[in-house]
């Protein structure tokens, strides 16, 4: 069984280049990368969800 890596919003911001505020705005708007809310304030993202989001928004100019 593969162990999923849980990432903080800071780690996701560093990984994706999105600002922490962008991630917070997306959560508020119920869009963007899926996340887990632990308790009242702690937010975590699954690494495969982050990678999938990045792949989903990838643009391949040679595919035209």
C-alpha atoms as a PDB file:
ATOM      1  CA  UNK A   1       0.000   0.000   0.000  1.00  0.00           C
ATOM      2  CA  UNK A   2       1.375   3.411  -0.991  1.00  0.00           C
ATOM      3  CA  UNK A   3       1.559   6.068   1.710  1.00  0.00           C
ATOM      4  CA  UNK A   4       0.219   9.430   0.518  1.00  0.00           C
ATOM      5  CA  UNK A   5       2.243  12.501   1.426  1.00  0.00           C
ATOM      6  CA  UNK A   6       0.264  15.285   3.108  1.00  0.00           C
ATOM      7  CA  UNK A   7       1.495  18.782   2.312  1.00  0.00           C
ATOM      8  CA  UNK A   8       0.949  22.100   4.062  1.00  0.00           C
ATOM      9  CA  UNK A   9      -0.260  25.121   2.131  1.00  0.00           C
ATOM     10  CA  UNK A  10       3.271  26.535   2.326  1.00  0.00           C
ATOM     11  CA  UNK A  11       4.692  23.376   0.725  1.00  0.00           C
ATOM     12  CA  UNK A  12       2.013  23.468  -1.989  1.00  0.00           C
ATOM     13  CA  UNK A  13       2.745  27.143  -2.669  1.00  0.00           C
ATOM     14  CA  UNK A  14       6.448  26.361  -3.055  1.00  0.00           C
ATOM     15  CA  UNK A  15       5.730  23.340  -5.257  1.00  0.00           C
ATOM     16  CA  UNK A  16       3.257  25.068  -7.590  1.00  0.00           C
ATOM     17  CA  UNK A  17       4.343  28.691  -7.554  1.00  0.00           C
ATOM     18  CA  UNK A  18       0.875  29.791  -6.405  1.00  0.00           C
ATOM     19  CA  UNK A  19       0.785  32.164  -3.461  1.00  0.00           C
ATOM     20  CA  UNK A  20      -0.614  31.021  -0.129  1.00  0.00           C
ATOM     21  CA  UNK A  21      -3.308  33.670  -0.538  1.00  0.00           C
ATOM     22  CA  UNK A  22      -4.339  32.176  -3.898  1.00  0.00           C
ATOM     23  CA  UNK A  23      -4.716  28.756  -2.267  1.00  0.00           C
ATOM     24  CA  UNK A  24      -6.806  30.334   0.522  1.00  0.00           C
ATOM     25  CA  UNK A  25      -8.976  32.180  -1.994  1.00  0.00           C
ATOM     26  CA  UNK A  26      -9.580  28.961  -3.928  1.00  0.00           C
ATOM     27  CA  UNK A  27     -10.630  27.164  -0.749  1.00  0.00           C
ATOM     28  CA  UNK A  28     -13.007  30.003   0.094  1.00  0.00           C
ATOM     29  CA  UNK A  29     -14.477  29.801  -3.429  1.00  0.00           C
ATOM     30  CA  UNK A  30     -14.630  25.965  -3.340  1.00  0.00           C
ATOM     31  CA  UNK A  31     -12.340  25.567  -6.351  1.00  0.00           C
ATOM     32  CA  UNK A  32      -8.728  24.728  -7.110  1.00  0.00           C
ATOM     33  CA  UNK A  33      -6.814  21.834  -5.586  1.00  0.00           C
ATOM     34  CA  UNK A  34      -8.736  19.392  -3.348  1.00  0.00           C
ATOM     35  CA  UNK A  35      -7.749  19.671   0.316  1.00  0.00           C
ATOM     36  CA  UNK A  36      -8.377  18.211   3.759  1.00  0.00           C
ATOM     37  CA  UNK A  37      -9.382  20.319   6.724  1.00  0.00           C
ATOM     38  CA  UNK A  38      -8.090  18.985  10.039  1.00  0.00           C
ATOM     39  CA  UNK A  39      -9.645  20.676  13.032  1.00  0.00           C
ATOM     40  CA  UNK A  40     -10.581  24.323  12.684  1.00  0.00           C
ATOM     41  CA  UNK A  41      -7.491  25.730  11.016  1.00  0.00           C
ATOM     42  CA  UNK A  42      -5.154  23.040   9.791  1.00  0.00           C
ATOM     43  CA  UNK A  43      -5.287  22.398   6.044  1.00  0.00           C
ATOM     44  CA  UNK A  44      -3.440  19.670   4.165  1.00  0.00           C
ATOM     45  CA  UNK A  45      -3.212  18.691   0.529  1.00  0.00           C
ATOM     46  CA  UNK A  46      -2.491  15.222  -0.814  1.00  0.00           C
ATOM     47  CA  UNK A  47       0.575  15.283  -3.038  1.00  0.00           C
ATOM     48  CA  UNK A  48      -1.124  13.250  -5.830  1.00  0.00           C
ATOM     49  CA  UNK A  49      -3.980  15.816  -5.907  1.00  0.00           C
ATOM     50  CA  UNK A  50      -1.483  18.663  -6.321  1.00  0.00           C
ATOM     51  CA  UNK A  51       0.352  16.866  -9.128  1.00  0.00           C
ATOM     52  CA  UNK A  52      -2.939  15.967 -10.839  1.00  0.00           C
ATOM     53  CA  UNK A  53      -4.077  19.597 -10.701  1.00  0.00           C
ATOM     54  CA  UNK A  54      -0.808  20.733 -12.239  1.00  0.00           C
ATOM     55  CA  UNK A  55      -1.017  18.097 -14.996  1.00  0.00           C
ATOM     56  CA  UNK A  56      -4.656  18.982 -15.696  1.00  0.00           C
ATOM     57  CA  UNK A  57      -3.741  22.623 -16.328  1.00  0.00           C
ATOM     58  CA  UNK A  58      -0.643  21.821 -18.407  1.00  0.00           C
ATOM     59  CA  UNK A  59      -0.538  23.335 -21.869  1.00  0.00           C
ATOM     60  CA  UNK A  60       1.261  21.489 -24.652  1.00  0.00           C
ATOM     61  CA  UNK A  61       1.842  23.898 -27.564  1.00  0.00           C
ATOM     62  CA  UNK A  62       2.856  21.038 -29.885  1.00  0.00           C
ATOM     63  CA  UNK A  63      -0.502  19.283 -29.458  1.00  0.00           C
ATOM     64  CA  UNK A  64      -2.225  21.705 -31.870  1.00  0.00           C
END
